[in-house]
């Protein structure tokens, strides 16, 4: 009984400290009684018997989540105390309560998912002997799913006609209209897509607004067809009508999915291609396992989605290469020679098209390369942190820093979660010298790291924590045409006051509702992926092949953690966020 009381109190203490409750708050007393009763409940299958009995998988998962929560809540752990001893005690007690809370929740979820009547991989073949699934692929169902999603996008499109445009959107539109030359800061392939539909609409109507709306309309169709496709793929595997409805709700229940579909960003179609690619990888893996062959549909979609994944974001190429390397290693270990040849040939085709397009074709059209500083935001942030903190820098290293630009700028303008000021410091300095002397400045970065490890660690965490902790994103969705130098303005037929109010409600919704707002956080989605992996590992061996479905999004998150310019911009992790309904459906079926 004493151990039960201690565990319940630690969890309540964590809620008290991290939630900033008053110690006399009656809700804490009610919470303590509730937690204690749940621990004692036989229905809860409590691990507290003659002591704490921890199971391996939920234990590891809870330790990881607790470590990430430590980063997330570091400024609150000390309880506002000034004494280091009290700060330490508050931190230890709070983290102990957080760990126990995560452990009990994870154990309950794993018990629930593990005890459900499970249709194993062998009982749900992806394809039958005729090359179809449990249900044949229904084009009519695919179009119905896609049509429902598209119909839900239309009201917001009309409310913000001709679409949403931000600084990045205007940057690309200026290239399309010839105001500025082509630059691959935003992938040229996406700029060409904008050019295709924009010029098509403008040629027909003579209006720039119709040109913009034509591209946005095409993007909405692509997004709807992509989401509808993965729902139909799951339907092939026996997904129920309830499951179909939940997947549709999963896509449409978050305003950012609606807002992104009408926003002219490279991230949107890129995320749709990653979604299709993820489903194709899963289907490819399963059909190779049980039929030793591939369908024509999967082969075509693998090449198409993989190619656009590589062309529509610079990090897509690295994620594709890493994903396929893992897939080929898996095939070699499974000794499935036809699948090895399939993956090697398909990957070679995707890479050949990508390198040809990004290399000689771009050069032939005079596409300029982005400034080198945009490729190294995190190392720049770490060096800038040392300068900003007046860290340990030798006169020789300071001279090298000043050779690029004045260091006083970094002292005054360094931002912990955004690399734009630091990159501008290079761009408006001597960026060509930095690029020409990469190895010398690599040595500078290494030397400063050895002398100032704490500053480097803090700079990295501040720059990336939005993608692995549950902090609310600093940038989510935008609505309408933002102020610009091109003279463009919203053309919505909806009265301004009504339009603004609708957009305001949608923009604030995630921050107003607890639990619901969790899926606004890219870091929370990553932690849900970790939970999904734990659920799969907790099942029988045949089901563990599902882990392959997480490879594309995890490799993309890895590339973001290596080179993100912003701490918590939802769109940089949008493939992960968009893919959550599909990942959850695959994990739980």
Protein backbone atom coordinates (compact mmCIF):
# COMPACT_ATOMS: atom_id res chain seq x y z
CA UNK A 1 0.00 0.00 0.00
CA UNK A 2 2.83 2.41 0.84
CA UNK A 3 4.36 1.92 -2.63
CA UNK A 4 0.97 2.57 -4.26
CA UNK A 5 0.67 5.84 -2.35
CA UNK A 6 4.22 6.91 -3.27
CA UNK A 7 3.67 6.23 -6.98
CA UNK A 8 0.34 8.10 -6.98
CA UNK A 9 1.90 11.03 -5.14
CA UNK A 10 4.87 11.28 -7.55
CA UNK A 11 2.50 11.52 -10.50
CA UNK A 12 0.44 14.19 -8.75
CA UNK A 13 3.63 16.05 -7.77
CA UNK A 14 4.66 16.16 -11.44
CA UNK A 15 1.24 17.55 -12.37
CA UNK A 16 1.48 20.12 -9.55
CA UNK A 17 4.94 21.34 -10.50
CA UNK A 18 4.76 21.23 -14.29
CA UNK A 19 1.15 22.42 -14.45
CA UNK A 20 1.84 25.35 -12.10
CA UNK A 21 -1.00 24.44 -9.74
CA UNK A 22 -1.32 25.96 -6.28
CA UNK A 23 -0.40 23.31 -3.70
CA UNK A 24 -3.83 23.81 -2.07
CA UNK A 25 -5.78 23.22 -5.30
CA UNK A 26 -8.56 20.73 -4.54
CA UNK A 27 -8.25 19.26 -8.04
CA UNK A 28 -4.88 17.81 -7.03
CA UNK A 29 -6.52 15.96 -4.15
CA UNK A 30 -9.18 14.53 -6.47
CA UNK A 31 -6.45 13.59 -8.97
CA UNK A 32 -4.46 11.82 -6.25
CA UNK A 33 -7.48 9.72 -5.24
CA UNK A 34 -8.25 8.89 -8.87
CA UNK A 35 -4.68 7.78 -9.67
CA UNK A 36 -4.41 5.77 -6.46
CA UNK A 37 -7.69 3.98 -7.21
CA UNK A 38 -6.57 3.20 -10.76
CA UNK A 39 -3.30 1.74 -9.53
CA UNK A 40 -5.14 -0.44 -7.03
CA UNK A 41 -7.74 -1.52 -9.57
CA UNK A 42 -7.50 -5.11 -10.74
CA UNK A 43 -8.89 -4.04 -14.08
CA UNK A 44 -5.82 -1.88 -14.56
CA UNK A 45 -3.48 -4.91 -14.28
CA UNK A 46 -1.14 -2.84 -12.15
CA UNK A 47 2.54 -3.87 -12.21
CA UNK A 48 2.76 -2.99 -8.53
CA UNK A 49 2.56 -6.22 -6.60
CA UNK A 50 5.54 -6.98 -4.44
CA UNK A 51 7.38 -4.03 -5.94
CA UNK A 52 7.55 -2.42 -9.35
CA UNK A 53 7.76 -4.96 -12.16
CA UNK A 54 8.74 -3.21 -15.36
CA UNK A 55 8.24 -4.68 -18.81
CA UNK A 56 11.02 -4.10 -21.31
CA UNK A 57 9.25 -2.37 -24.22
CA UNK A 58 7.13 0.13 -22.24
CA UNK A 59 10.12 0.75 -19.96
CA UNK A 60 12.40 1.74 -22.86
CA UNK A 61 9.65 3.82 -24.48
CA UNK A 62 8.92 5.63 -21.21
CA UNK A 63 12.59 6.40 -20.60
CA UNK A 64 12.86 7.95 -24.08
CA UNK A 65 9.68 9.98 -23.64
CA UNK A 66 10.81 11.15 -20.20
CA UNK A 67 14.15 12.31 -21.61
CA UNK A 68 12.36 14.25 -24.35
CA UNK A 69 9.97 15.72 -21.82
CA UNK A 70 12.97 16.83 -19.76
CA UNK A 71 14.11 18.91 -22.73
CA UNK A 72 10.58 20.21 -23.28
CA UNK A 73 9.96 21.28 -19.67
CA UNK A 74 13.48 22.14 -18.48
CA UNK A 75 12.53 25.70 -17.52
CA UNK A 76 9.68 24.46 -15.29
CA UNK A 77 11.29 21.50 -13.55
CA UNK A 78 12.88 23.59 -10.82
CA UNK A 79 9.54 24.88 -9.58
CA UNK A 80 10.80 28.46 -9.63
CA UNK A 81 13.15 27.76 -6.70
CA UNK A 82 16.46 29.62 -6.30
CA UNK A 83 18.25 26.96 -4.24
CA UNK A 84 20.09 24.40 -6.40
CA UNK A 85 19.21 21.67 -3.92
CA UNK A 86 15.48 22.43 -4.19
CA UNK A 87 15.73 22.75 -7.97
CA UNK A 88 17.39 19.33 -8.12
CA UNK A 89 14.81 17.73 -5.81
CA UNK A 90 11.87 19.25 -7.67
CA UNK A 91 13.36 18.10 -10.98
CA UNK A 92 13.97 14.53 -9.83
CA UNK A 93 10.53 14.15 -8.24
CA UNK A 94 8.78 15.65 -11.26
CA UNK A 95 10.65 13.47 -13.78
CA UNK A 96 9.97 10.40 -11.65
CA UNK A 97 6.26 11.20 -11.75
CA UNK A 98 6.39 11.85 -15.51
CA UNK A 99 8.18 8.54 -16.08
CA UNK A 100 5.61 6.60 -14.05
CA UNK A 101 2.77 8.33 -15.87
CA UNK A 102 4.27 7.47 -19.26
CA UNK A 103 4.99 3.91 -18.14
CA UNK A 104 1.46 3.17 -16.94
CA UNK A 105 -0.07 4.80 -20.03
CA UNK A 106 2.28 2.92 -22.40
CA UNK A 107 1.67 -0.38 -20.61
CA UNK A 108 -2.07 0.10 -20.85
CA UNK A 109 -1.92 0.91 -24.56
CA UNK A 110 0.36 -2.05 -25.31
CA UNK A 111 -1.87 -4.38 -23.28
CA UNK A 112 -4.91 -3.12 -25.14
CA UNK A 113 -3.39 -3.42 -28.61
CA UNK A 114 -1.74 -6.74 -27.79
CA UNK A 115 -4.92 -8.31 -26.45
CA UNK A 116 -7.12 -7.34 -29.40
CA UNK A 117 -8.13 -10.15 -31.77
CA UNK A 118 -5.37 -9.74 -34.33
CA UNK A 119 -5.56 -10.50 -38.00
CA UNK A 120 -1.98 -11.46 -38.67
CA UNK A 121 -0.01 -10.61 -41.77
CA UNK A 122 -0.50 -14.19 -42.97
CA UNK A 123 -4.25 -13.87 -42.56
CA UNK A 124 -4.38 -10.63 -44.54
CA UNK A 125 -2.38 -11.15 -47.73
CA UNK A 126 -1.85 -7.92 -49.62
CA UNK A 127 -2.57 -9.61 -52.96
CA UNK A 128 -4.28 -12.82 -53.93
CA UNK A 129 -3.21 -15.15 -56.71
CA UNK A 130 -4.85 -12.90 -59.32
CA UNK A 131 -2.92 -9.85 -58.17
CA UNK A 132 -5.66 -8.17 -56.16
CA UNK A 133 -6.24 -7.56 -52.46
CA UNK A 134 -8.94 -8.85 -50.14
CA UNK A 135 -11.07 -6.38 -52.07
CA UNK A 136 -10.14 -5.36 -55.56
CA UNK A 137 -8.95 -1.80 -55.92
CA UNK A 138 -12.11 0.21 -56.42
CA UNK A 139 -11.62 3.26 -58.61
CA UNK A 140 -15.13 4.37 -57.69
CA UNK A 141 -14.33 4.12 -53.96
CA UNK A 142 -11.05 5.99 -54.49
CA UNK A 143 -12.89 8.80 -56.29
CA UNK A 144 -15.59 8.90 -53.60
CA UNK A 145 -13.01 9.20 -50.81
CA UNK A 146 -11.10 11.82 -52.80
CA UNK A 147 -14.31 13.68 -53.66
CA UNK A 148 -15.35 13.91 -50.00
CA UNK A 149 -11.95 15.34 -49.08
CA UNK A 150 -11.95 17.76 -52.04
CA UNK A 151 -15.46 18.98 -51.17
CA UNK A 152 -14.25 19.80 -47.65
CA UNK A 153 -11.36 21.84 -49.07
CA UNK A 154 -13.55 24.00 -51.28
CA UNK A 155 -15.14 26.27 -48.61
CA UNK A 156 -11.74 27.37 -47.29
CA UNK A 157 -10.50 27.87 -50.86
CA UNK A 158 -13.46 30.15 -51.60
CA UNK A 159 -12.98 31.95 -48.29
CA UNK A 160 -9.36 32.71 -49.21
CA UNK A 161 -9.60 32.91 -53.01
CA UNK A 162 -7.36 32.62 -55.02
CA UNK A 163 -5.32 30.82 -52.35
CA UNK A 164 -2.77 31.46 -49.61
CA UNK A 165 0.57 33.06 -50.45
CA UNK A 166 3.46 33.89 -48.09
CA UNK A 167 6.99 35.19 -48.62
CA UNK A 168 8.17 31.87 -50.07
CA UNK A 169 5.19 31.80 -52.43
CA UNK A 170 6.00 35.25 -53.81
CA UNK A 171 9.65 34.30 -54.14
CA UNK A 172 8.66 31.51 -56.52
CA UNK A 173 5.98 33.52 -58.32
CA UNK A 174 8.53 36.24 -59.07
CA UNK A 175 10.68 33.58 -60.73
CA UNK A 176 7.69 32.31 -62.70
CA UNK A 177 6.82 35.80 -63.95
CA UNK A 178 10.44 36.66 -64.81
CA UNK A 179 10.87 39.33 -62.14
CA UNK A 180 13.82 37.41 -60.71
CA UNK A 181 15.97 34.62 -62.22
CA UNK A 182 15.44 30.96 -61.37
CA UNK A 183 17.14 29.95 -58.10
CA UNK A 184 17.04 26.49 -56.53
CA UNK A 185 16.50 27.77 -52.99
CA UNK A 186 13.01 26.43 -53.57
CA UNK A 187 13.26 23.31 -55.74
CA UNK A 188 13.08 24.26 -59.40
CA UNK A 189 10.74 21.35 -60.12
CA UNK A 190 8.11 22.91 -57.88
CA UNK A 191 8.64 26.34 -59.40
CA UNK A 192 8.01 24.77 -62.82
CA UNK A 193 4.78 23.18 -61.52
CA UNK A 194 3.62 26.61 -60.38
CA UNK A 195 4.63 28.02 -63.77
CA UNK A 196 2.70 25.33 -65.67
CA UNK A 197 -0.65 25.90 -63.95
CA UNK A 198 -0.23 29.63 -63.37
CA UNK A 199 0.51 30.32 -67.03
CA UNK A 200 -2.28 27.98 -68.11
CA UNK A 201 -4.86 29.87 -66.03
CA UNK A 202 -3.48 33.27 -66.97
CA UNK A 203 -3.45 32.41 -70.68
CA UNK A 204 -7.13 31.47 -70.58
CA UNK A 205 -8.34 34.40 -68.46
CA UNK A 206 -5.68 37.09 -68.68
CA UNK A 207 -5.80 37.34 -64.87
CA UNK A 208 -2.95 36.62 -62.46
CA UNK A 209 -5.51 35.70 -59.83
CA UNK A 210 -7.01 33.00 -62.04
CA UNK A 211 -3.47 31.77 -62.71
CA UNK A 212 -2.83 31.47 -58.96
CA UNK A 213 -6.21 29.80 -58.41
CA UNK A 214 -5.51 27.31 -61.21
CA UNK A 215 -2.35 26.12 -59.47
CA UNK A 216 -4.09 25.96 -56.08
CA UNK A 217 -7.02 24.05 -57.60
CA UNK A 218 -4.61 21.53 -59.14
CA UNK A 219 -2.83 21.16 -55.81
CA UNK A 220 -6.14 20.50 -54.04
CA UNK A 221 -6.88 17.74 -56.54
CA UNK A 222 -3.45 16.15 -55.99
CA UNK A 223 -3.86 16.27 -52.21
CA UNK A 224 -7.38 14.82 -52.35
CA UNK A 225 -6.40 12.01 -54.72
CA UNK A 226 -3.35 11.14 -52.57
CA UNK A 227 -5.32 10.95 -49.34
CA UNK A 228 -8.15 9.09 -51.03
CA UNK A 229 -5.66 6.63 -52.51
CA UNK A 230 -4.17 5.53 -49.19
CA UNK A 231 -7.66 5.12 -47.73
CA UNK A 232 -8.57 2.88 -50.65
CA UNK A 233 -5.32 0.92 -50.21
CA UNK A 234 -6.30 0.25 -46.61
CA UNK A 235 -9.78 -0.67 -47.80
CA UNK A 236 -8.17 -3.29 -50.05
CA UNK A 237 -6.75 -4.81 -46.90
CA UNK A 238 -10.15 -5.04 -45.27
CA UNK A 239 -10.52 -1.64 -43.57
CA UNK A 240 -14.07 -1.27 -42.27
CA UNK A 241 -16.40 1.64 -43.05
CA UNK A 242 -15.79 2.91 -39.56
CA UNK A 243 -12.06 2.82 -40.24
CA UNK A 244 -12.57 4.68 -43.52
CA UNK A 245 -14.57 7.37 -41.74
CA UNK A 246 -11.91 7.70 -39.04
CA UNK A 247 -9.14 8.09 -41.63
CA UNK A 248 -11.10 10.79 -43.44
CA UNK A 249 -11.73 12.51 -40.11
CA UNK A 250 -8.03 12.17 -39.33
CA UNK A 251 -7.17 14.11 -42.47
CA UNK A 252 -9.92 16.72 -42.25
CA UNK A 253 -10.16 17.13 -38.48
CA UNK A 254 -7.15 19.46 -38.39
CA UNK A 255 -7.45 22.88 -40.05
CA UNK A 256 -3.79 22.94 -41.10
CA UNK A 257 -4.46 20.12 -43.59
CA UNK A 258 -7.19 22.24 -45.16
CA UNK A 259 -5.08 25.39 -45.00
CA UNK A 260 -1.99 23.75 -46.48
CA UNK A 261 -3.97 22.34 -49.40
CA UNK A 262 -4.69 25.93 -50.58
CA UNK A 263 -1.20 27.29 -49.78
CA UNK A 264 1.45 27.68 -52.46
CA UNK A 265 4.34 25.91 -50.73
CA UNK A 266 6.63 23.15 -51.93
CA UNK A 267 5.94 21.24 -48.70
CA UNK A 268 2.33 20.46 -49.63
CA UNK A 269 2.64 18.33 -52.78
CA UNK A 270 5.89 16.94 -51.37
CA UNK A 271 4.00 15.62 -48.33
CA UNK A 272 1.37 14.07 -50.63
CA UNK A 273 4.10 12.27 -52.58
CA UNK A 274 5.69 10.99 -49.36
CA UNK A 275 2.26 9.72 -48.30
CA UNK A 276 1.83 7.75 -51.52
CA UNK A 277 5.46 6.59 -51.41
CA UNK A 278 5.02 5.34 -47.83
CA UNK A 279 1.97 3.29 -48.76
CA UNK A 280 3.76 1.94 -51.85
CA UNK A 281 6.78 0.90 -49.77
CA UNK A 282 4.46 -0.96 -47.41
CA UNK A 283 2.62 -2.70 -50.25
CA UNK A 284 5.93 -3.52 -51.95
CA UNK A 285 7.32 -5.07 -48.78
CA UNK A 286 4.24 -7.21 -48.18
CA UNK A 287 3.77 -8.44 -51.72
CA UNK A 288 7.46 -9.40 -51.87
CA UNK A 289 7.09 -11.29 -48.61
CA UNK A 290 4.01 -13.32 -49.51
CA UNK A 291 3.87 -13.42 -53.33
CA UNK A 292 7.48 -12.82 -54.40
CA UNK A 293 6.23 -10.42 -57.08
CA UNK A 294 5.11 -6.84 -57.52
CA UNK A 295 2.07 -5.26 -59.13
CA UNK A 296 2.42 -2.86 -62.05
CA UNK A 297 0.55 -0.21 -60.07
CA UNK A 298 3.08 -0.32 -57.24
CA UNK A 299 5.99 -0.18 -59.67
CA UNK A 300 4.64 2.90 -61.43
CA UNK A 301 3.69 4.69 -58.22
CA UNK A 302 7.04 3.83 -56.63
CA UNK A 303 8.92 5.56 -59.44
CA UNK A 304 6.53 8.51 -59.75
CA UNK A 305 6.14 9.26 -56.03
CA UNK A 306 9.83 8.56 -55.36
CA UNK A 307 10.93 10.91 -58.14
CA UNK A 308 8.71 13.76 -56.99
CA UNK A 309 9.78 13.11 -53.41
CA UNK A 310 13.38 13.70 -54.54
CA UNK A 311 12.59 16.74 -56.69
CA UNK A 312 10.15 18.71 -54.53
CA UNK A 313 12.35 19.16 -51.46
CA UNK A 314 16.12 19.03 -51.22
CA UNK A 315 16.03 16.70 -48.23
CA UNK A 316 13.69 14.34 -50.08
CA UNK A 317 16.63 12.94 -52.03
CA UNK A 318 18.56 12.05 -48.89
CA UNK A 319 15.49 10.50 -47.29
CA UNK A 320 14.81 8.45 -50.42
CA UNK A 321 18.38 7.15 -50.58
CA UNK A 322 18.39 6.19 -46.90
CA UNK A 323 14.95 4.54 -47.18
CA UNK A 324 15.95 2.47 -50.16
CA UNK A 325 19.28 1.49 -48.60
CA UNK A 326 17.36 0.12 -45.60
CA UNK A 327 14.88 -1.65 -47.88
CA UNK A 328 17.64 -3.30 -49.89
CA UNK A 329 19.44 -4.41 -46.72
CA UNK A 330 16.17 -5.97 -45.51
CA UNK A 331 15.75 -7.78 -48.83
CA UNK A 332 19.33 -9.08 -48.73
CA UNK A 333 18.76 -10.44 -45.23
CA UNK A 334 15.50 -12.06 -46.36
CA UNK A 335 17.26 -13.40 -49.50
CA UNK A 336 14.47 -12.31 -51.82
CA UNK A 337 16.43 -11.86 -55.05
CA UNK A 338 13.52 -10.64 -57.25
CA UNK A 339 12.78 -7.91 -54.69
CA UNK A 340 16.45 -6.87 -54.54
CA UNK A 341 16.50 -6.46 -58.32
CA UNK A 342 13.17 -4.59 -58.23
CA UNK A 343 14.32 -2.11 -55.57
CA UNK A 344 17.74 -1.58 -57.15
CA UNK A 345 16.35 -0.96 -60.64
CA UNK A 346 13.47 1.25 -59.46
CA UNK A 347 15.79 3.26 -57.21
CA UNK A 348 18.33 3.63 -60.00
CA UNK A 349 15.63 5.00 -62.30
CA UNK A 350 14.45 7.51 -59.68
CA UNK A 351 18.00 8.65 -58.94
CA UNK A 352 18.92 8.90 -62.62
CA UNK A 353 15.97 11.20 -63.31
CA UNK A 354 16.69 13.23 -60.17
CA UNK A 355 20.39 13.78 -60.83
CA UNK A 356 19.76 14.56 -64.50
CA UNK A 357 17.09 17.11 -63.61
CA UNK A 358 18.99 18.73 -60.74
CA UNK A 359 22.29 18.66 -62.63
CA UNK A 360 22.64 19.19 -66.39
CA UNK A 361 19.01 20.19 -67.03
CA UNK A 362 19.02 22.91 -64.36
CA UNK A 363 22.42 24.12 -65.58
CA UNK A 364 21.15 24.27 -69.16
CA UNK A 365 18.33 26.58 -68.06
CA UNK A 366 20.65 28.76 -65.99
CA UNK A 367 19.13 27.96 -62.60
CA UNK A 368 21.28 29.61 -59.93
CA UNK A 369 22.43 27.77 -56.82
CA UNK A 370 21.25 28.89 -53.41
CA UNK A 371 23.77 30.58 -51.15
CA UNK A 372 25.97 28.09 -49.27
CA UNK A 373 24.81 29.45 -45.90
CA UNK A 374 21.36 27.90 -46.41
CA UNK A 375 22.94 24.43 -46.39
CA UNK A 376 24.54 24.72 -42.93
CA UNK A 377 22.08 26.46 -40.58
CA UNK A 378 22.82 24.34 -37.51
CA UNK A 379 26.65 24.67 -37.58
CA UNK A 380 26.17 28.41 -38.13
CA UNK A 381 23.80 28.57 -35.16
CA UNK A 382 26.31 26.76 -32.95
CA UNK A 383 29.15 29.11 -33.85
CA UNK A 384 26.82 32.09 -33.45
CA UNK A 385 25.79 30.84 -29.99
CA UNK A 386 29.42 30.80 -28.88
CA UNK A 387 29.95 34.34 -30.19
CA UNK A 388 26.68 35.53 -28.66
CA UNK A 389 27.65 34.06 -25.27
CA UNK A 390 31.17 35.51 -25.48
CA UNK A 391 32.51 31.97 -25.26
CA UNK A 392 36.03 30.60 -25.47
CA UNK A 393 37.31 31.77 -28.88
CA UNK A 394 41.00 32.13 -29.71
CA UNK A 395 42.18 35.33 -31.44
CA UNK A 396 42.91 33.32 -34.60
CA UNK A 397 39.39 31.86 -34.68
CA UNK A 398 37.82 35.23 -33.99
CA UNK A 399 39.80 36.64 -36.89
CA UNK A 400 38.36 33.91 -39.14
CA UNK A 401 34.85 34.74 -37.96
CA UNK A 402 35.37 38.44 -38.57
CA UNK A 403 36.68 37.60 -42.06
CA UNK A 404 33.11 36.59 -42.98
CA UNK A 405 31.33 39.50 -41.29
CA UNK A 406 31.40 41.57 -38.11
CA UNK A 407 30.84 39.42 -35.02
CA UNK A 408 28.88 42.15 -33.22
CA UNK A 409 25.92 41.35 -35.48
CA UNK A 410 25.74 37.84 -34.02
CA UNK A 411 25.93 39.19 -30.47
CA UNK A 412 22.97 41.49 -31.12
CA UNK A 413 20.78 39.47 -33.49
CA UNK A 414 21.29 35.78 -32.70
CA UNK A 415 17.94 33.97 -32.28
CA UNK A 416 17.96 30.58 -30.49
CA UNK A 417 15.21 29.01 -32.59
CA UNK A 418 15.63 30.66 -35.97
CA UNK A 419 18.71 30.61 -38.19
CA UNK A 420 17.62 33.42 -40.53
CA UNK A 421 19.67 36.19 -38.82
CA UNK A 422 22.74 33.93 -38.75
CA UNK A 423 22.36 32.96 -42.41
CA UNK A 424 21.87 36.63 -43.33
CA UNK A 425 25.09 37.39 -41.47
CA UNK A 426 26.85 35.13 -43.98
CA UNK A 427 24.85 36.15 -47.05
CA UNK A 428 25.50 39.87 -46.47
CA UNK A 429 29.12 39.13 -45.58
CA UNK A 430 31.67 37.23 -47.61
CA UNK A 431 29.76 34.01 -48.29
CA UNK A 432 31.90 33.20 -51.31
CA UNK A 433 35.00 33.16 -49.11
CA UNK A 434 33.29 30.77 -46.68
CA UNK A 435 32.31 28.42 -49.49
CA UNK A 436 35.80 28.52 -50.97
CA UNK A 437 37.39 27.67 -47.60
CA UNK A 438 34.97 25.01 -46.34
CA UNK A 439 37.64 22.77 -44.81
CA UNK A 440 39.25 25.61 -42.88
CA UNK A 441 35.92 26.65 -41.41
CA UNK A 442 35.06 23.02 -40.69
CA UNK A 443 38.18 23.01 -38.51
CA UNK A 444 36.97 26.23 -36.85
CA UNK A 445 33.60 24.63 -36.10
CA UNK A 446 35.26 21.55 -34.58
CA UNK A 447 37.66 23.60 -32.44
CA UNK A 448 34.91 25.80 -31.05
CA UNK A 449 32.83 22.71 -30.31
CA UNK A 450 35.55 21.16 -28.18
CA UNK A 451 36.01 24.42 -26.28
CA UNK A 452 32.31 25.23 -25.89
CA UNK A 453 30.36 21.93 -25.82
CA UNK A 454 27.57 23.30 -23.63
CA UNK A 455 26.90 26.18 -26.03
CA UNK A 456 26.86 23.78 -28.99
CA UNK A 457 24.42 21.46 -27.22
CA UNK A 458 22.12 24.32 -26.20
CA UNK A 459 22.21 25.78 -29.71
CA UNK A 460 21.31 22.42 -31.25
CA UNK A 461 18.46 21.75 -28.82
CA UNK A 462 17.03 25.25 -29.23
CA UNK A 463 17.21 24.87 -33.01
CA UNK A 464 15.59 21.41 -33.23
CA UNK A 465 13.46 20.73 -30.13
CA UNK A 466 10.20 21.46 -31.93
CA UNK A 467 10.58 18.24 -33.91
CA UNK A 468 11.01 15.80 -31.01
CA UNK A 469 9.41 17.47 -27.98
CA UNK A 470 5.73 18.30 -27.64
CA UNK A 471 6.14 22.06 -27.85
CA UNK A 472 3.44 23.82 -29.85
CA UNK A 473 4.77 24.88 -33.28
CA UNK A 474 5.83 28.47 -33.68
CA UNK A 475 4.60 28.49 -37.27
CA UNK A 476 1.44 26.63 -38.28
CA UNK A 477 -0.91 27.78 -41.03
CA UNK A 478 -1.50 31.09 -42.80
CA UNK A 479 -4.58 32.31 -44.64
CA UNK A 480 -5.03 34.53 -47.68
CA UNK A 481 -2.52 36.61 -49.60
CA UNK A 482 -0.03 38.20 -47.23
CA UNK A 483 1.35 41.74 -47.83
CA UNK A 484 3.68 41.74 -50.84
CA UNK A 485 5.51 43.85 -53.40
CA UNK A 486 3.59 42.46 -56.37
CA UNK A 487 0.37 44.32 -55.64
CA UNK A 488 -1.64 41.15 -55.08
CA UNK A 489 -4.51 41.08 -52.58
CA UNK A 490 -7.21 38.59 -51.49
CA UNK A 491 -10.13 38.31 -53.92
CA UNK A 492 -12.55 36.34 -51.76
CA UNK A 493 -16.28 36.87 -52.35
CA UNK A 494 -16.82 36.40 -48.60
CA UNK A 495 -17.16 39.67 -46.60
CA UNK A 496 -13.87 40.65 -44.93
CA UNK A 497 -15.14 40.43 -41.34
CA UNK A 498 -16.58 36.95 -41.85
CA UNK A 499 -13.47 35.77 -43.70
CA UNK A 500 -11.16 37.02 -40.97
CA UNK A 501 -13.27 35.48 -38.21
CA UNK A 502 -13.33 32.07 -39.90
CA UNK A 503 -9.58 32.14 -40.41
CA UNK A 504 -8.99 33.33 -36.84
CA UNK A 505 -11.04 30.48 -35.36
CA UNK A 506 -9.27 27.88 -37.48
CA UNK A 507 -5.88 29.35 -36.65
CA UNK A 508 -6.50 29.32 -32.89
CA UNK A 509 -8.32 26.00 -32.64
CA UNK A 510 -5.27 23.85 -31.89
CA UNK A 511 -4.14 26.12 -29.07
CA UNK A 512 -7.60 26.25 -27.48
CA UNK A 513 -8.33 22.53 -27.05
CA UNK A 514 -6.11 20.24 -24.94
CA UNK A 515 -5.37 16.73 -26.25
CA UNK A 516 -6.71 17.78 -29.69
CA UNK A 517 -3.77 20.18 -29.98
CA UNK A 518 -1.24 17.37 -29.53
CA UNK A 519 -1.35 16.52 -33.23
CA UNK A 520 -0.43 20.09 -34.11
CA UNK A 521 3.01 19.41 -32.67
CA UNK A 522 5.51 17.70 -35.02
CA UNK A 523 7.41 16.48 -31.96
CA UNK A 524 4.26 14.93 -30.50
CA UNK A 525 3.68 13.14 -33.82
CA UNK A 526 7.23 11.78 -33.66
CA UNK A 527 6.55 10.49 -30.15
CA UNK A 528 3.37 8.83 -31.42
CA UNK A 529 5.54 7.15 -34.04
CA UNK A 530 7.71 5.80 -31.22
CA UNK A 531 4.55 4.50 -29.56
CA UNK A 532 3.52 2.88 -32.84
CA UNK A 533 6.89 1.17 -33.12
CA UNK A 534 6.50 -0.10 -29.56
CA UNK A 535 3.02 -1.46 -30.39
CA UNK A 536 4.39 -3.36 -33.39
CA UNK A 537 7.39 -4.72 -31.46
CA UNK A 538 4.99 -5.88 -28.76
CA UNK A 539 3.11 -8.05 -31.27
CA UNK A 540 4.05 -11.41 -32.75
CA UNK A 541 7.01 -11.64 -35.09
CA UNK A 542 4.90 -11.80 -38.27
CA UNK A 543 3.53 -8.30 -37.62
CA UNK A 544 6.93 -6.66 -37.19
CA UNK A 545 7.34 -6.19 -40.93
CA UNK A 546 5.01 -3.21 -40.51
CA UNK A 547 7.97 -1.27 -39.13
CA UNK A 548 9.00 -0.59 -42.71
CA UNK A 549 6.12 1.88 -43.00
CA UNK A 550 7.90 4.25 -40.61
CA UNK A 551 11.17 4.38 -42.54
CA UNK A 552 10.35 7.22 -44.99
CA UNK A 553 8.99 9.66 -42.40
CA UNK A 554 11.69 8.87 -39.86
CA UNK A 555 14.45 9.45 -42.41
CA UNK A 556 12.83 12.77 -43.32
CA UNK A 557 12.72 13.79 -39.66
CA UNK A 558 16.39 12.84 -39.40
CA UNK A 559 17.27 15.17 -42.28
CA UNK A 560 15.28 17.97 -40.63
CA UNK A 561 17.21 17.46 -37.38
CA UNK A 562 20.45 17.82 -39.32
CA UNK A 563 19.64 21.01 -41.21
CA UNK A 564 16.48 22.78 -40.05
CA UNK A 565 16.50 26.59 -40.24
CA UNK A 566 13.54 26.97 -37.86
CA UNK A 567 12.89 25.39 -34.48
CA UNK A 568 9.23 24.48 -34.74
CA UNK A 569 7.78 25.08 -38.18
CA UNK A 570 5.05 22.52 -38.77
CA UNK A 571 5.55 22.47 -42.52
CA UNK A 572 9.12 21.14 -42.27
CA UNK A 573 7.71 17.98 -40.68
CA UNK A 574 4.47 18.04 -42.65
CA UNK A 575 4.97 14.59 -44.27
CA UNK A 576 5.03 13.08 -40.78
CA UNK A 577 2.02 15.08 -39.61
CA UNK A 578 -0.01 14.37 -42.77
CA UNK A 579 0.87 10.69 -42.60
CA UNK A 580 -0.35 10.10 -39.04
CA UNK A 581 -3.82 8.71 -39.95
CA UNK A 582 -2.21 6.24 -42.35
CA UNK A 583 0.53 5.23 -39.92
CA UNK A 584 -2.02 4.71 -37.15
CA UNK A 585 -4.31 2.68 -39.42
CA UNK A 586 -1.47 0.39 -40.54
CA UNK A 587 -0.20 -0.04 -36.98
CA UNK A 588 -3.57 -0.98 -35.50
CA UNK A 589 -4.92 -3.20 -38.29
